[in-house]
Amino acid sequence: MDIKLIKFNPIDAELFNSVAQQTAQTLADTQRREQNKSTQIRRFYDELLMWETKATQNPAKFAEYLPFIRMLNAKAAYAEGRGHVDSNFTMLMQHCLQQVTDDKTLRTFKLFFEAMLGFYKLEKKD
């Protein structure tokens, strides 16, 4: 996974295609089978989706939401500490959340995560 290819501004034409697919392959190729299960990854997507929905409905409150959105970093670190995700997932979350600065970049992150999750389901088969 070349994390430098994951950029939300400007959006590359391959972000939701080959970049998402390469990211999914990296996450699916974990040494420990119990890490990066699709249900665990889906929990992070569900929370991201919830925050993106709130930010879309009320963009004026985005600054209020941002600390809670960025708290996904701590949740990923906790999940890694418990052996539920690997360091690749934690690094991915940190890299992506760092780029979230407004409701538009949050939407891009959500769409990227959605694309990656689709490819991930094909790769992981759990």
C-alpha atoms as a PDB file:
ATOM      1  CA  MET A   1       0.000   0.000   0.000  1.00  0.00           C
ATOM      2  CA  ASP A   2       1.510   3.267  -1.105  1.00  0.00           C
ATOM      3  CA  ILE A   3      -0.150   5.591   1.376  1.00  0.00           C
ATOM      4  CA  LYS A   4       1.063   8.666  -0.540  1.00  0.00           C
ATOM      5  CA  LEU A   5      -1.406   7.810  -3.318  1.00  0.00           C
ATOM      6  CA  ILE A   6      -4.317   8.353  -0.938  1.00  0.00           C
ATOM      7  CA  LYS A   7      -4.983  12.070  -1.411  1.00  0.00           C
ATOM      8  CA  PHE A   8      -8.337  13.738  -0.967  1.00  0.00           C
ATOM      9  CA  ASN A   9      -7.505  17.104  -2.502  1.00  0.00           C
ATOM     10  CA  PRO A  10      -7.263  16.997  -5.459  1.00  0.00           C
ATOM     11  CA  ILE A  11      -8.957  13.662  -6.040  1.00  0.00           C
ATOM     12  CA  ASP A  12      -7.060  11.382  -8.397  1.00  0.00           C
ATOM     13  CA  ALA A  13      -9.141   9.494 -10.968  1.00  0.00           C
ATOM     14  CA  GLU A  14      -7.876   6.176  -9.544  1.00  0.00           C
ATOM     15  CA  LEU A  15      -8.574   6.931  -5.858  1.00  0.00           C
ATOM     16  CA  PHE A  16     -11.812   4.920  -5.769  1.00  0.00           C
ATOM     17  CA  ASN A  17     -10.479   2.256  -8.134  1.00  0.00           C
ATOM     18  CA  SER A  18      -6.874   1.019  -8.189  1.00  0.00           C
ATOM     19  CA  VAL A  19      -5.780   2.896  -5.053  1.00  0.00           C
ATOM     20  CA  ALA A  20      -8.751   1.509  -3.092  1.00  0.00           C
ATOM     21  CA  GLN A  21      -8.074  -1.970  -4.500  1.00  0.00           C
ATOM     22  CA  GLN A  22      -4.360  -1.867  -3.583  1.00  0.00           C
ATOM     23  CA  THR A  23      -5.260  -0.677  -0.067  1.00  0.00           C
ATOM     24  CA  ALA A  24      -7.782  -3.507   0.324  1.00  0.00           C
ATOM     25  CA  GLN A  25      -5.210  -6.069  -0.804  1.00  0.00           C
ATOM     26  CA  THR A  26      -2.713  -4.806   1.773  1.00  0.00           C
ATOM     27  CA  LEU A  27      -5.258  -4.972   4.593  1.00  0.00           C
ATOM     28  CA  ALA A  28      -6.460  -8.421   3.541  1.00  0.00           C
ATOM     29  CA  ASP A  29      -2.913  -9.785   3.434  1.00  0.00           C
ATOM     30  CA  THR A  30      -2.413  -9.864   7.195  1.00  0.00           C
ATOM     31  CA  GLN A  31      -0.272 -12.533   8.829  1.00  0.00           C
ATOM     32  CA  ARG A  32      -2.801 -13.174  11.591  1.00  0.00           C
ATOM     33  CA  ARG A  33      -6.240 -14.351  10.433  1.00  0.00           C
ATOM     34  CA  GLU A  34      -8.081 -12.745  13.327  1.00  0.00           C
ATOM     35  CA  GLN A  35      -6.886  -9.272  12.367  1.00  0.00           C
ATOM     36  CA  ASN A  36      -8.689  -6.986   9.940  1.00  0.00           C
ATOM     37  CA  LYS A  37     -11.888  -9.015   9.793  1.00  0.00           C
ATOM     38  CA  SER A  38     -14.493  -7.392   7.604  1.00  0.00           C
ATOM     39  CA  THR A  39     -16.889  -6.956  10.547  1.00  0.00           C
ATOM     40  CA  GLN A  40     -14.264  -4.962  12.452  1.00  0.00           C
ATOM     41  CA  ILE A  41     -13.438  -2.798   9.424  1.00  0.00           C
ATOM     42  CA  ARG A  42     -17.174  -2.310   8.827  1.00  0.00           C
ATOM     43  CA  ARG A  43     -17.603  -0.867  12.339  1.00  0.00           C
ATOM     44  CA  PHE A  44     -15.160   1.888  11.464  1.00  0.00           C
ATOM     45  CA  TYR A  45     -16.965   2.527   8.183  1.00  0.00           C
ATOM     46  CA  ASP A  46     -20.322   2.716   9.978  1.00  0.00           C
ATOM     47  CA  GLU A  47     -19.022   5.345  12.389  1.00  0.00           C
ATOM     48  CA  LEU A  48     -17.415   7.279   9.547  1.00  0.00           C
ATOM     49  CA  LEU A  49     -20.714   7.159   7.667  1.00  0.00           C
ATOM     50  CA  MET A  50     -22.548   8.493  10.724  1.00  0.00           C
ATOM     51  CA  TRP A  51     -20.192  11.481  11.007  1.00  0.00           C
ATOM     52  CA  GLU A  52     -20.335  12.159   7.274  1.00  0.00           C
ATOM     53  CA  THR A  53     -24.140  12.150   7.404  1.00  0.00           C
ATOM     54  CA  LYS A  54     -24.147  14.608  10.326  1.00  0.00           C
ATOM     55  CA  ALA A  55     -21.637  16.885   8.589  1.00  0.00           C
ATOM     56  CA  THR A  56     -23.614  16.815   5.337  1.00  0.00           C
ATOM     57  CA  GLN A  57     -26.848  17.671   7.119  1.00  0.00           C
ATOM     58  CA  ASN A  58     -25.272  20.469   9.117  1.00  0.00           C
ATOM     59  CA  PRO A  59     -21.989  21.731   7.571  1.00  0.00           C
ATOM     60  CA  ALA A  60     -21.904  24.689   9.971  1.00  0.00           C
ATOM     61  CA  LYS A  61     -21.230  22.267  12.838  1.00  0.00           C
ATOM     62  CA  PHE A  62     -18.284  20.545  11.138  1.00  0.00           C
ATOM     63  CA  ALA A  63     -15.705  22.187  13.435  1.00  0.00           C
ATOM     64  CA  GLU A  64     -17.706  20.865  16.382  1.00  0.00           C
ATOM     65  CA  TYR A  65     -17.687  17.337  14.928  1.00  0.00           C
ATOM     66  CA  LEU A  66     -14.022  17.243  13.895  1.00  0.00           C
ATOM     67  CA  PRO A  67     -12.549  16.255  17.306  1.00  0.00           C
ATOM     68  CA  PHE A  68     -14.959  13.304  17.452  1.00  0.00           C
ATOM     69  CA  ILE A  69     -14.192  12.345  13.862  1.00  0.00           C
ATOM     70  CA  ARG A  70     -10.471  12.385  14.616  1.00  0.00           C
ATOM     71  CA  MET A  71     -11.134  10.245  17.688  1.00  0.00           C
ATOM     72  CA  LEU A  72     -11.363   7.375  15.195  1.00  0.00           C
ATOM     73  CA  ASN A  73      -7.546   7.404  15.404  1.00  0.00           C
ATOM     74  CA  ALA A  74      -7.710   6.495  19.087  1.00  0.00           C
ATOM     75  CA  LYS A  75     -10.327   3.837  18.384  1.00  0.00           C
ATOM     76  CA  ALA A  76      -8.113   2.327  15.672  1.00  0.00           C
ATOM     77  CA  ALA A  77      -5.131   2.325  18.057  1.00  0.00           C
ATOM     78  CA  TYR A  78      -7.260   0.611  20.698  1.00  0.00           C
ATOM     79  CA  ALA A  79      -8.445  -1.988  18.172  1.00  0.00           C
ATOM     80  CA  GLU A  80      -4.831  -2.605  17.126  1.00  0.00           C
ATOM     81  CA  GLY A  81      -3.787  -2.980  20.748  1.00  0.00           C
ATOM     82  CA  ARG A  82      -6.466  -5.639  21.187  1.00  0.00           C
ATOM     83  CA  GLY A  83      -5.312  -7.464  18.043  1.00  0.00           C
ATOM     84  CA  HIS A  84      -8.476  -6.717  16.053  1.00  0.00           C
ATOM     85  CA  VAL A  85      -6.724  -4.690  13.325  1.00  0.00           C
ATOM     86  CA  ASP A  86      -3.109  -4.470  12.236  1.00  0.00           C
ATOM     87  CA  SER A  87      -0.745  -1.503  12.010  1.00  0.00           C
ATOM     88  CA  ASN A  88      -1.572  -1.045   8.307  1.00  0.00           C
ATOM     89  CA  PHE A  89      -5.177  -0.242   9.198  1.00  0.00           C
ATOM     90  CA  THR A  90      -4.160   2.142  11.987  1.00  0.00           C
ATOM     91  CA  MET A  91      -1.716   3.888   9.649  1.00  0.00           C
ATOM     92  CA  LEU A  92      -4.421   4.148   6.966  1.00  0.00           C
ATOM     93  CA  MET A  93      -6.848   5.757   9.405  1.00  0.00           C
ATOM     94  CA  GLN A  94      -4.229   8.234  10.621  1.00  0.00           C
ATOM     95  CA  HIS A  95      -3.261   9.209   7.096  1.00  0.00           C
ATOM     96  CA  CYS A  96      -6.852   9.656   5.939  1.00  0.00           C
ATOM     97  CA  LEU A  97      -8.144  11.435   9.042  1.00  0.00           C
ATOM     98  CA  GLN A  98      -5.244  13.891   8.853  1.00  0.00           C
ATOM     99  CA  GLN A  99      -6.604  15.007   5.472  1.00  0.00           C
ATOM    100  CA  VAL A 100     -10.146  15.559   6.746  1.00  0.00           C
ATOM    101  CA  THR A 101     -10.493  19.325   7.128  1.00  0.00           C
ATOM    102  CA  ASP A 102     -14.064  19.998   6.012  1.00  0.00           C
ATOM    103  CA  ASP A 103     -17.265  18.238   5.006  1.00  0.00           C
ATOM    104  CA  LYS A 104     -16.000  17.742   1.426  1.00  0.00           C
ATOM    105  CA  THR A 105     -12.809  15.921   2.442  1.00  0.00           C
ATOM    106  CA  LEU A 106     -14.828  13.901   4.951  1.00  0.00           C
ATOM    107  CA  ARG A 107     -17.125  12.838   2.096  1.00  0.00           C
ATOM    108  CA  THR A 108     -14.114  11.896  -0.020  1.00  0.00           C
ATOM    109  CA  PHE A 109     -12.743   9.795   2.848  1.00  0.00           C
ATOM    110  CA  LYS A 110     -16.121   8.093   3.240  1.00  0.00           C
ATOM    111  CA  LEU A 111     -16.284   7.315  -0.485  1.00  0.00           C
ATOM    112  CA  PHE A 112     -12.696   6.027  -0.503  1.00  0.00           C
ATOM    113  CA  PHE A 113     -13.413   3.814   2.518  1.00  0.00           C
ATOM    114  CA  GLU A 114     -16.575   2.542   0.809  1.00  0.00           C
ATOM    115  CA  ALA A 115     -14.652   1.641  -2.363  1.00  0.00           C
ATOM    116  CA  MET A 116     -11.865   0.019  -0.354  1.00  0.00           C
ATOM    117  CA  LEU A 117     -14.428  -1.967   1.643  1.00  0.00           C
ATOM    118  CA  GLY A 118     -15.943  -3.340  -1.552  1.00  0.00           C
ATOM    119  CA  PHE A 119     -12.566  -4.566  -2.799  1.00  0.00           C
ATOM    120  CA  TYR A 120     -11.693  -5.776   0.707  1.00  0.00           C
ATOM    121  CA  LYS A 121     -14.725  -8.045   0.872  1.00  0.00           C
ATOM    122  CA  LEU A 122     -13.549  -9.746  -2.327  1.00  0.00           C
ATOM    123  CA  GLU A 123      -9.967 -10.119  -1.061  1.00  0.00           C
ATOM    124  CA  LYS A 124     -10.596 -11.203   2.546  1.00  0.00           C
ATOM    125  CA  LYS A 125     -13.464 -13.672   2.170  1.00  0.00           C
ATOM    126  CA  ASP A 126     -14.143 -13.945   5.921  1.00  0.00           C
END
